[in-house]
Amino acid sequence: TFLVKYGAEVGYDYGYVSVSADGGKSYTPIAGDKTVSGPLGPALNGTTSGFEPHSFDLSAYAGQTVTVTFTASEDYSLRTSFLLDDVMLLNG
């Protein structure tokens, strides 16, 4: 769970939350409560009006050591911003 504020050009710019369970050799984008289909998998897209809560279910990785990343991709026309705050990992 985290708060995020973003402005991502619809259909062109995306934010991803990805998980690696193999020490960073590969990453898998995961779906959240507000993701859409992006070119690399489930993604955040569009614009928020301020910081908004987002949740991602990591229960498939229970008992494993994982790395969680936050990445963004954008086209050449506009700079995209993703601002994160209050990132929390909750049990249960």
Protein backbone atom coordinates (compact mmCIF):
# COMPACT_ATOMS: atom_id res chain seq x y z
CA THR A 1 0.00 0.00 0.00
CA PHE A 2 1.26 3.48 -0.79
CA LEU A 3 0.20 6.97 -1.72
CA VAL A 4 1.05 8.11 -5.22
CA LYS A 5 0.57 11.22 -7.30
CA TYR A 6 1.14 11.02 -11.02
CA GLY A 7 0.53 12.58 -14.38
CA ALA A 8 1.01 9.98 -17.10
CA GLU A 9 -0.04 10.66 -20.67
CA VAL A 10 -2.93 8.28 -21.31
CA GLY A 11 -1.94 5.45 -23.63
CA TYR A 12 1.74 6.42 -23.73
CA ASP A 13 3.26 6.70 -20.24
CA TYR A 14 3.00 4.04 -17.54
CA GLY A 15 4.08 3.30 -13.98
CA TYR A 16 4.80 -0.26 -12.88
CA VAL A 17 5.09 -2.08 -9.56
CA SER A 18 7.16 -5.20 -10.14
CA VAL A 19 8.35 -8.08 -7.99
CA SER A 20 11.47 -10.22 -8.22
CA ALA A 21 11.69 -13.50 -6.31
CA ASP A 22 15.01 -14.57 -7.86
CA GLY A 23 17.41 -11.99 -6.49
CA GLY A 24 16.74 -9.42 -9.20
CA LYS A 25 17.38 -11.61 -12.24
CA SER A 26 13.82 -11.06 -13.48
CA TYR A 27 10.90 -8.86 -12.51
CA THR A 28 7.17 -9.36 -12.99
CA PRO A 29 4.75 -6.40 -13.07
CA ILE A 30 1.85 -7.08 -10.71
CA ALA A 31 -1.74 -5.89 -10.78
CA GLY A 32 -3.08 -3.44 -8.22
CA ASP A 33 -6.44 -1.99 -7.35
CA LYS A 34 -6.10 0.80 -9.95
CA THR A 35 -3.95 -0.68 -12.71
CA VAL A 36 -4.77 -0.85 -16.40
CA SER A 37 -3.28 -2.95 -19.18
CA GLY A 38 0.10 -1.52 -20.20
CA PRO A 39 2.64 -2.63 -22.78
CA LEU A 40 4.73 -4.43 -20.12
CA GLY A 41 1.84 -5.71 -18.00
CA PRO A 42 -0.45 -4.19 -15.35
CA ALA A 43 0.33 -0.47 -15.03
CA LEU A 44 -0.71 2.88 -13.61
CA ASN A 45 -1.79 5.39 -16.25
CA GLY A 46 -3.58 8.72 -16.36
CA THR A 47 -3.50 11.57 -13.85
CA THR A 48 -4.39 11.78 -10.18
CA SER A 49 -5.76 14.94 -8.58
CA GLY A 50 -3.34 14.58 -5.67
CA PHE A 51 -1.86 11.78 -3.61
CA GLU A 52 -4.17 8.76 -3.79
CA PRO A 53 -3.93 5.37 -2.05
CA HIS A 54 -3.04 2.34 -4.17
CA SER A 55 -2.80 -1.31 -3.09
CA PHE A 56 -1.01 -4.31 -4.56
CA ASP A 57 -1.49 -7.87 -3.30
CA LEU A 58 1.81 -9.61 -2.58
CA SER A 59 0.24 -12.70 -0.97
CA ALA A 60 1.46 -14.91 -3.85
CA TYR A 61 4.98 -14.25 -2.55
CA ALA A 62 4.28 -15.07 1.14
CA GLY A 63 7.27 -16.73 2.81
CA GLN A 64 9.69 -15.65 0.07
CA THR A 65 12.33 -12.95 0.03
CA VAL A 66 11.39 -10.52 -2.73
CA THR A 67 12.43 -7.21 -4.19
CA VAL A 68 9.69 -4.73 -5.08
CA THR A 69 10.44 -2.01 -7.63
CA PHE A 70 8.62 1.07 -8.85
CA THR A 71 9.45 2.04 -12.43
CA ALA A 72 8.01 4.24 -15.15
CA SER A 73 8.17 4.32 -18.92
CA GLU A 74 7.36 7.32 -21.07
CA ASP A 75 7.45 8.38 -24.67
CA TYR A 76 9.51 11.27 -25.96
CA SER A 77 6.82 13.99 -25.92
CA LEU A 78 6.12 14.70 -22.23
CA ARG A 79 7.94 14.11 -18.97
CA THR A 80 6.01 11.88 -16.59
CA SER A 81 6.13 12.16 -12.81
CA PHE A 82 5.33 9.50 -10.24
CA LEU A 83 5.65 10.65 -6.63
CA LEU A 84 5.41 7.96 -3.93
CA ASP A 85 4.82 8.42 -0.21
CA ASP A 86 4.04 6.27 2.81
CA VAL A 87 5.00 2.91 1.27
CA MET A 88 3.91 0.12 3.64
CA LEU A 89 4.07 -3.67 3.58
CA LEU A 90 1.15 -5.06 5.55
CA ASN A 91 0.77 -8.64 6.79
CA GLY A 92 -2.71 -9.96 6.28
